[in-house]
Amino acid sequence: MSLRNNFGRALRAARKLRNLPQEALDSVSSRTYVSTLERGLKSPTLDKIAQLAEALNVHPLTLLTFSFVGKQSEQRLDRVLQQIKAEYGLLVAEDSD
């Protein structure tokens, strides 16, 4: 499954978790655009991901993590989060030079 499809599944799951219709995200995007995202037809920008996440009251990384990990095991999620933490530490160290 593609990243666009996985992001669409994450967006739909987060929206349903909050019991919101697509129209509830009208302050961020049109229902048509939200629908195209949920169907995996388009890829959002980082700014749009942040806006959608804020409207859904979830962290943007939650949507992105689901996009990359999907419904894989919790152990897989733990490994990915450990990798992110390690790489983040390297990036912070590099940036402080």
Foldseek 3Di string as FASTA:
>chain_A
DALLQQLLCLLVVLCVVVPHQLPLLVVLPHSVVNVCSNNSNDDDDPVSLCSSCVSSVHHSVSSNLCSVCPPDDVVVSVVVVVVVVVVVVVVVVVVVD
